[in-house]
């Protein structure tokens, strides 16, 4: 599936937001992954702003649950304006 420029931009914004929130909690990706019982490569994929596959809303919700925030908090960022 080929994404439009707007969709690719949204994918990058979501990946950037995941990384931004994760770094507030734990700067070291592998340590965050270990502490939250997920594979570091999976977390790396979520944070990869160049990945055109995108992230599902279910994945975003899973991440939000990990760090105990709501979806609205996740999207309440200047990145999405």
PDB file of N, CA and C in Angstrom:
ATOM      1  N   UNK A   1       0.835  -1.169   0.000  1.00  0.00           N
ATOM      2  CA  UNK A   1       0.000   0.000   0.000  1.00  0.00           C
ATOM      3  C   UNK A   1       0.886   1.240   0.000  1.00  0.00           C
ATOM      4  N   UNK A   2       0.592   2.154  -0.859  1.00  0.00           N
ATOM      5  CA  UNK A   2       1.380   3.372  -0.954  1.00  0.00           C
ATOM      6  C   UNK A   2       0.644   4.490  -0.225  1.00  0.00           C
ATOM      7  N   UNK A   3       1.351   5.135   0.696  1.00  0.00           N
ATOM      8  CA  UNK A   3       0.762   6.214   1.475  1.00  0.00           C
ATOM      9  C   UNK A   3       0.978   7.553   0.795  1.00  0.00           C
ATOM     10  N   UNK A   4       0.043   8.454   1.018  1.00  0.00           N
ATOM     11  CA  UNK A   4       0.177   9.816   0.501  1.00  0.00           C
ATOM     12  C   UNK A   4       1.200  10.577   1.338  1.00  0.00           C
ATOM     13  N   UNK A   5       1.577  11.734   0.861  1.00  0.00           N
ATOM     14  CA  UNK A   5       2.524  12.580   1.593  1.00  0.00           C
ATOM     15  C   UNK A   5       1.966  12.935   2.975  1.00  0.00           C
ATOM     16  N   UNK A   6       0.687  13.219   3.054  1.00  0.00           N
ATOM     17  CA  UNK A   6       0.035  13.562   4.330  1.00  0.00           C
ATOM     18  C   UNK A   6       0.066  12.379   5.283  1.00  0.00           C
ATOM     19  N   UNK A   7      -0.200  11.182   4.771  1.00  0.00           N
ATOM     20  CA  UNK A   7      -0.181   9.983   5.614  1.00  0.00           C
ATOM     21  C   UNK A   7       1.230   9.674   6.104  1.00  0.00           C
ATOM     22  N   UNK A   8       2.216   9.840   5.230  1.00  0.00           N
ATOM     23  CA  UNK A   8       3.612   9.623   5.647  1.00  0.00           C
ATOM     24  C   UNK A   8       4.017  10.624   6.728  1.00  0.00           C
ATOM     25  N   UNK A   9       3.542  11.869   6.589  1.00  0.00           N
ATOM     26  CA  UNK A   9       3.840  12.887   7.591  1.00  0.00           C
ATOM     27  C   UNK A   9       3.225  12.495   8.933  1.00  0.00           C
ATOM     28  N   UNK A  10       1.979  12.032   8.924  1.00  0.00           N
ATOM     29  CA  UNK A  10       1.330  11.608  10.163  1.00  0.00           C
ATOM     30  C   UNK A  10       2.069  10.434  10.789  1.00  0.00           C
ATOM     31  N   UNK A  11       2.482   9.467   9.968  1.00  0.00           N
ATOM     32  CA  UNK A  11       3.254   8.328  10.486  1.00  0.00           C
ATOM     33  C   UNK A  11       4.525   8.816  11.184  1.00  0.00           C
ATOM     34  N   UNK A  12       5.215   9.756  10.579  1.00  0.00           N
ATOM     35  CA  UNK A  12       6.449  10.295  11.163  1.00  0.00           C
ATOM     36  C   UNK A  12       6.150  11.046  12.457  1.00  0.00           C
ATOM     37  N   UNK A  13       5.060  11.779  12.493  1.00  0.00           N
ATOM     38  CA  UNK A  13       4.685  12.523  13.706  1.00  0.00           C
ATOM     39  C   UNK A  13       4.389  11.552  14.851  1.00  0.00           C
ATOM     40  N   UNK A  14       3.676  10.490  14.555  1.00  0.00           N
ATOM     41  CA  UNK A  14       3.351   9.491  15.581  1.00  0.00           C
ATOM     42  C   UNK A  14       4.631   8.839  16.092  1.00  0.00           C
ATOM     43  N   UNK A  15       5.511   8.464  15.190  1.00  0.00           N
ATOM     44  CA  UNK A  15       6.787   7.847  15.601  1.00  0.00           C
ATOM     45  C   UNK A  15       7.601   8.804  16.455  1.00  0.00           C
ATOM     46  N   UNK A  16       7.639  10.050  16.047  1.00  0.00           N
ATOM     47  CA  UNK A  16       8.378  11.059  16.811  1.00  0.00           C
ATOM     48  C   UNK A  16       7.767  11.225  18.199  1.00  0.00           C
ATOM     49  N   UNK A  17       6.453  11.229  18.287  1.00  0.00           N
ATOM     50  CA  UNK A  17       5.774  11.389  19.586  1.00  0.00           C
ATOM     51  C   UNK A  17       6.065  10.208  20.496  1.00  0.00           C
ATOM     52  N   UNK A  18       6.058   9.002  19.960  1.00  0.00           N
ATOM     53  CA  UNK A  18       6.396   7.821  20.763  1.00  0.00           C
ATOM     54  C   UNK A  18       7.804   7.969  21.327  1.00  0.00           C
ATOM     55  N   UNK A  19       8.739   8.350  20.472  1.00  0.00           N
ATOM     56  CA  UNK A  19      10.119   8.511  20.929  1.00  0.00           C
ATOM     57  C   UNK A  19      10.223   9.613  21.973  1.00  0.00           C
ATOM     58  N   UNK A  20       9.559  10.721  21.739  1.00  0.00           N
ATOM     59  CA  UNK A  20       9.588  11.857  22.665  1.00  0.00           C
ATOM     60  C   UNK A  20       9.076  11.447  24.050  1.00  0.00           C
ATOM     61  N   UNK A  21       7.946  10.761  24.083  1.00  0.00           N
ATOM     62  CA  UNK A  21       7.372  10.327  25.363  1.00  0.00           C
ATOM     63  C   UNK A  21       8.231   9.257  26.025  1.00  0.00           C
ATOM     64  N   UNK A  22       8.743   8.331  25.228  1.00  0.00           N
ATOM     65  CA  UNK A  22       9.605   7.278  25.780  1.00  0.00           C
ATOM     66  C   UNK A  22      10.855   7.873  26.398  1.00  0.00           C
ATOM     67  N   UNK A  23      11.469   8.858  25.730  1.00  0.00           N
ATOM     68  CA  UNK A  23      12.698   9.462  26.244  1.00  0.00           C
ATOM     69  C   UNK A  23      12.460  10.240  27.530  1.00  0.00           C
ATOM     70  N   UNK A  24      11.250  10.749  27.735  1.00  0.00           N
ATOM     71  CA  UNK A  24      10.928  11.417  29.000  1.00  0.00           C
ATOM     72  C   UNK A  24      10.960  10.424  30.155  1.00  0.00           C
ATOM     73  N   UNK A  25      10.618   9.187  29.870  1.00  0.00           N
ATOM     74  CA  UNK A  25      10.564   8.138  30.888  1.00  0.00           C
ATOM     75  C   UNK A  25      11.913   7.442  31.030  1.00  0.00           C
ATOM     76  N   UNK A  26      12.476   7.071  29.873  1.00  0.00           N
ATOM     77  CA  UNK A  26      13.750   6.333  29.864  1.00  0.00           C
ATOM     78  C   UNK A  26      14.488   6.648  28.565  1.00  0.00           C
ATOM     79  N   UNK A  27      15.619   7.349  28.684  1.00  0.00           N
ATOM     80  CA  UNK A  27      16.377   7.717  27.484  1.00  0.00           C
ATOM     81  C   UNK A  27      16.949   6.526  26.705  1.00  0.00           C
ATOM     82  N   UNK A  28      17.181   5.425  27.373  1.00  0.00           N
ATOM     83  CA  UNK A  28      17.792   4.262  26.731  1.00  0.00           C
ATOM     84  C   UNK A  28      16.691   3.332  26.223  1.00  0.00           C
ATOM     85  N   UNK A  29      16.648   3.209  24.904  1.00  0.00           N
ATOM     86  CA  UNK A  29      15.587   2.429  24.266  1.00  0.00           C
ATOM     87  C   UNK A  29      15.548   0.982  24.755  1.00  0.00           C
ATOM     88  N   UNK A  30      16.694   0.340  24.832  1.00  0.00           N
ATOM     89  CA  UNK A  30      16.724  -1.070  25.235  1.00  0.00           C
ATOM     90  C   UNK A  30      16.260  -1.249  26.679  1.00  0.00           C
ATOM     91  N   UNK A  31      16.597  -0.316  27.535  1.00  0.00           N
ATOM     92  CA  UNK A  31      16.164  -0.404  28.932  1.00  0.00           C
ATOM     93  C   UNK A  31      14.647  -0.202  29.033  1.00  0.00           C
ATOM     94  N   UNK A  32      14.109   0.756  28.297  1.00  0.00           N
ATOM     95  CA  UNK A  32      12.660   0.966  28.276  1.00  0.00           C
ATOM     96  C   UNK A  32      11.965  -0.306  27.798  1.00  0.00           C
ATOM     97  N   UNK A  33      12.445  -0.882  26.715  1.00  0.00           N
ATOM     98  CA  UNK A  33      11.843  -2.098  26.166  1.00  0.00           C
ATOM     99  C   UNK A  33      11.870  -3.226  27.192  1.00  0.00           C
ATOM    100  N   UNK A  34      12.999  -3.410  27.828  1.00  0.00           N
ATOM    101  CA  UNK A  34      13.135  -4.465  28.843  1.00  0.00           C
ATOM    102  C   UNK A  34      12.164  -4.235  29.994  1.00  0.00           C
ATOM    103  N   UNK A  35      12.077  -2.990  30.474  1.00  0.00           N
ATOM    104  CA  UNK A  35      11.203  -2.663  31.612  1.00  0.00           C
ATOM    105  C   UNK A  35       9.719  -2.805  31.276  1.00  0.00           C
ATOM    106  N   UNK A  36       9.379  -2.703  29.984  1.00  0.00           N
ATOM    107  CA  UNK A  36       7.975  -2.796  29.580  1.00  0.00           C
ATOM    108  C   UNK A  36       7.665  -4.094  28.827  1.00  0.00           C
ATOM    109  N   UNK A  37       8.608  -5.025  28.882  1.00  0.00           N
ATOM    110  CA  UNK A  37       8.414  -6.374  28.349  1.00  0.00           C
ATOM    111  C   UNK A  37       8.035  -6.386  26.867  1.00  0.00           C
ATOM    112  N   UNK A  38       8.729  -5.551  26.094  1.00  0.00           N
ATOM    113  CA  UNK A  38       8.563  -5.577  24.645  1.00  0.00           C
ATOM    114  C   UNK A  38       9.940  -5.713  24.005  1.00  0.00           C
ATOM    115  N   UNK A  39       9.947  -6.162  22.790  1.00  0.00           N
ATOM    116  CA  UNK A  39      11.199  -6.323  22.064  1.00  0.00           C
ATOM    117  C   UNK A  39      11.750  -4.954  21.666  1.00  0.00           C
ATOM    118  N   UNK A  40      13.043  -4.751  21.848  1.00  0.00           N
ATOM    119  CA  UNK A  40      13.654  -3.474  21.496  1.00  0.00           C
ATOM    120  C   UNK A  40      13.497  -3.177  20.015  1.00  0.00           C
ATOM    121  N   UNK A  41      13.576  -4.196  19.186  1.00  0.00           N
ATOM    122  CA  UNK A  41      13.413  -3.987  17.744  1.00  0.00           C
ATOM    123  C   UNK A  41      12.001  -3.517  17.399  1.00  0.00           C
ATOM    124  N   UNK A  42      11.016  -3.997  18.134  1.00  0.00           N
ATOM    125  CA  UNK A  42       9.645  -3.529  17.937  1.00  0.00           C
ATOM    126  C   UNK A  42       9.539  -2.049  18.304  1.00  0.00           C
ATOM    127  N   UNK A  43      10.105  -1.684  19.446  1.00  0.00           N
ATOM    128  CA  UNK A  43      10.106  -0.282  19.865  1.00  0.00           C
ATOM    129  C   UNK A  43      10.849   0.578  18.846  1.00  0.00           C
ATOM    130  N   UNK A  44      11.952   0.080  18.348  1.00  0.00           N
ATOM    131  CA  UNK A  44      12.709   0.797  17.329  1.00  0.00           C
ATOM    132  C   UNK A  44      11.857   1.015  16.073  1.00  0.00           C
ATOM    133  N   UNK A  45      11.089   0.011  15.696  1.00  0.00           N
ATOM    134  CA  UNK A  45      10.209   0.135  14.544  1.00  0.00           C
ATOM    135  C   UNK A  45       9.145   1.215  14.787  1.00  0.00           C
ATOM    136  N   UNK A  46       8.578   1.234  16.003  1.00  0.00           N
ATOM    137  CA  UNK A  46       7.575   2.246  16.339  1.00  0.00           C
ATOM    138  C   UNK A  46       8.160   3.649  16.246  1.00  0.00           C
ATOM    139  N   UNK A  47       9.427   3.793  16.621  1.00  0.00           N
ATOM    140  CA  UNK A  47      10.065   5.111  16.653  1.00  0.00           C
ATOM    141  C   UNK A  47      10.709   5.504  15.329  1.00  0.00           C
ATOM    142  N   UNK A  48      10.706   4.634  14.375  1.00  0.00           N
ATOM    143  CA  UNK A  48      11.361   4.887  13.089  1.00  0.00           C
ATOM    144  C   UNK A  48      10.502   5.826  12.237  1.00  0.00           C
ATOM    145  N   UNK A  49      10.921   7.072  12.119  1.00  0.00           N
ATOM    146  CA  UNK A  49      10.152   8.067  11.371  1.00  0.00           C
ATOM    147  C   UNK A  49      10.213   7.836   9.864  1.00  0.00           C
ATOM    148  N   UNK A  50      11.100   6.980   9.411  1.00  0.00           N
ATOM    149  CA  UNK A  50      11.225   6.712   7.973  1.00  0.00           C
ATOM    150  C   UNK A  50      10.437   5.487   7.538  1.00  0.00           C
ATOM    151  N   UNK A  51       9.828   4.786   8.490  1.00  0.00           N
ATOM    152  CA  UNK A  51       9.062   3.582   8.181  1.00  0.00           C
ATOM    153  C   UNK A  51       7.697   3.980   7.626  1.00  0.00           C
ATOM    154  N   UNK A  52       7.421   3.606   6.406  1.00  0.00           N
ATOM    155  CA  UNK A  52       6.157   3.973   5.760  1.00  0.00           C
ATOM    156  C   UNK A  52       4.999   3.046   6.106  1.00  0.00           C
ATOM    157  N   UNK A  53       5.254   2.020   6.897  1.00  0.00           N
ATOM    158  CA  UNK A  53       4.177   1.073   7.201  1.00  0.00           C
ATOM    159  C   UNK A  53       3.120   1.671   8.120  1.00  0.00           C
ATOM    160  N   UNK A  54       3.511   2.629   8.920  1.00  0.00           N
ATOM    161  CA  UNK A  54       2.549   3.242   9.835  1.00  0.00           C
ATOM    162  C   UNK A  54       2.335   2.414  11.085  1.00  0.00           C
ATOM    163  N   UNK A  55       1.650   3.004  12.022  1.00  0.00           N
ATOM    164  CA  UNK A  55       1.372   2.375  13.306  1.00  0.00           C
ATOM    165  C   UNK A  55      -0.133   2.399  13.513  1.00  0.00           C
ATOM    166  N   UNK A  56      -0.688   1.278  13.912  1.00  0.00           N
ATOM    167  CA  UNK A  56      -2.129   1.225  14.109  1.00  0.00           C
ATOM    168  C   UNK A  56      -2.525   1.948  15.394  1.00  0.00           C
ATOM    169  N   UNK A  57      -3.789   2.308  15.462  1.00  0.00           N
ATOM    170  CA  UNK A  57      -4.304   2.944  16.675  1.00  0.00           C
ATOM    171  C   UNK A  57      -4.196   1.978  17.858  1.00  0.00           C
ATOM    172  N   UNK A  58      -4.260   0.685  17.588  1.00  0.00           N
ATOM    173  CA  UNK A  58      -4.109  -0.324  18.647  1.00  0.00           C
ATOM    174  C   UNK A  58      -2.700  -0.299  19.228  1.00  0.00           C
ATOM    175  N   UNK A  59      -1.715  -0.104  18.376  1.00  0.00           N
ATOM    176  CA  UNK A  59      -0.332  -0.002  18.839  1.00  0.00           C
ATOM    177  C   UNK A  59      -0.136   1.266  19.651  1.00  0.00           C
ATOM    178  N   UNK A  60      -0.711   2.356  19.184  1.00  0.00           N
ATOM    179  CA  UNK A  60      -0.615   3.608  19.939  1.00  0.00           C
ATOM    180  C   UNK A  60      -1.267   3.434  21.304  1.00  0.00           C
ATOM    181  N   UNK A  61      -2.430   2.790  21.348  1.00  0.00           N
ATOM    182  CA  UNK A  61      -3.117   2.540  22.619  1.00  0.00           C
ATOM    183  C   UNK A  61      -2.266   1.663  23.527  1.00  0.00           C
ATOM    184  N   UNK A  62      -1.641   0.648  22.965  1.00  0.00           N
ATOM    185  CA  UNK A  62      -0.755  -0.235  23.747  1.00  0.00           C
ATOM    186  C   UNK A  62       0.382   0.577  24.360  1.00  0.00           C
ATOM    187  N   UNK A  63       0.999   1.435  23.565  1.00  0.00           N
ATOM    188  CA  UNK A  63       2.076   2.279  24.073  1.00  0.00           C
ATOM    189  C   UNK A  63       1.554   3.203  25.177  1.00  0.00           C
ATOM    190  N   UNK A  64       0.405   3.809  24.951  1.00  0.00           N
ATOM    191  CA  UNK A  64      -0.187   4.698  25.968  1.00  0.00           C
ATOM    192  C   UNK A  64      -0.438   3.951  27.274  1.00  0.00           C
ATOM    193  N   UNK A  65      -0.927   2.724  27.169  1.00  0.00           N
ATOM    194  CA  UNK A  65      -1.152   1.916  28.373  1.00  0.00           C
ATOM    195  C   UNK A  65       0.163   1.641  29.102  1.00  0.00           C
ATOM    196  N   UNK A  66       1.223   1.399  28.338  1.00  0.00           N
ATOM    197  CA  UNK A  66       2.534   1.131  28.939  1.00  0.00           C
ATOM    198  C   UNK A  66       3.009   2.292  29.797  1.00  0.00           C
ATOM    199  N   UNK A  67       2.762   3.497  29.307  1.00  0.00           N
ATOM    200  CA  UNK A  67       3.293   4.664  30.021  1.00  0.00           C
ATOM    201  C   UNK A  67       2.198   5.401  30.801  1.00  0.00           C
ATOM    202  N   UNK A  68       1.015   4.791  30.849  1.00  0.00           N
ATOM    203  CA  UNK A  68      -0.093   5.276  31.670  1.00  0.00           C
ATOM    204  C   UNK A  68      -0.556   6.681  31.276  1.00  0.00           C
ATOM    205  N   UNK A  69      -0.826   6.852  29.982  1.00  0.00           N
ATOM    206  CA  UNK A  69      -1.417   8.098  29.501  1.00  0.00           C
ATOM    207  C   UNK A  69      -2.609   7.755  28.612  1.00  0.00           C
ATOM    208  N   UNK A  70      -3.448   8.733  28.361  1.00  0.00           N
ATOM    209  CA  UNK A  70      -4.598   8.530  27.483  1.00  0.00           C
ATOM    210  C   UNK A  70      -4.208   8.814  26.028  1.00  0.00           C
ATOM    211  N   UNK A  71      -5.039   8.353  25.124  1.00  0.00           N
ATOM    212  CA  UNK A  71      -4.833   8.669  23.716  1.00  0.00           C
ATOM    213  C   UNK A  71      -4.905  10.173  23.486  1.00  0.00           C
ATOM    214  N   UNK A  72      -5.810  10.836  24.186  1.00  0.00           N
ATOM    215  CA  UNK A  72      -5.918  12.287  24.007  1.00  0.00           C
ATOM    216  C   UNK A  72      -4.638  12.980  24.460  1.00  0.00           C
ATOM    217  N   UNK A  73      -4.019  12.489  25.531  1.00  0.00           N
ATOM    218  CA  UNK A  73      -2.735  13.050  25.969  1.00  0.00           C
ATOM    219  C   UNK A  73      -1.673  12.810  24.895  1.00  0.00           C
ATOM    220  N   UNK A  74      -1.677  11.618  24.317  1.00  0.00           N
ATOM    221  CA  UNK A  74      -0.710  11.292  23.273  1.00  0.00           C
ATOM    222  C   UNK A  74      -0.794  12.288  22.124  1.00  0.00           C
ATOM    223  N   UNK A  75      -2.010  12.565  21.673  1.00  0.00           N
ATOM    224  CA  UNK A  75      -2.191  13.436  20.517  1.00  0.00           C
ATOM    225  C   UNK A  75      -2.238  14.919  20.876  1.00  0.00           C
ATOM    226  N   UNK A  76      -2.210  15.224  22.162  1.00  0.00           N
ATOM    227  CA  UNK A  76      -2.193  16.626  22.602  1.00  0.00           C
ATOM    228  C   UNK A  76      -0.746  17.107  22.584  1.00  0.00           C
ATOM    229  N   UNK A  77      -0.279  17.413  21.392  1.00  0.00           N
ATOM    230  CA  UNK A  77       1.108  17.816  21.186  1.00  0.00           C
ATOM    231  C   UNK A  77       1.163  18.777  19.999  1.00  0.00           C
ATOM    232  N   UNK A  78       2.103  19.684  20.052  1.00  0.00           N
ATOM    233  CA  UNK A  78       2.301  20.605  18.930  1.00  0.00           C
ATOM    234  C   UNK A  78       2.617  19.858  17.631  1.00  0.00           C
ATOM    235  N   UNK A  79       3.093  18.631  17.743  1.00  0.00           N
ATOM    236  CA  UNK A  79       3.408  17.838  16.554  1.00  0.00           C
ATOM    237  C   UNK A  79       2.190  17.639  15.667  1.00  0.00           C
ATOM    238  N   UNK A  80       1.002  17.612  16.268  1.00  0.00           N
ATOM    239  CA  UNK A  80      -0.211  17.286  15.526  1.00  0.00           C
ATOM    240  C   UNK A  80      -1.051  18.513  15.163  1.00  0.00           C
ATOM    241  N   UNK A  81      -0.504  19.679  15.298  1.00  0.00           N
ATOM    242  CA  UNK A  81      -1.251  20.889  14.945  1.00  0.00           C
ATOM    243  C   UNK A  81      -1.049  21.262  13.504  1.00  0.00           C
TER     244      UNK A  81
END
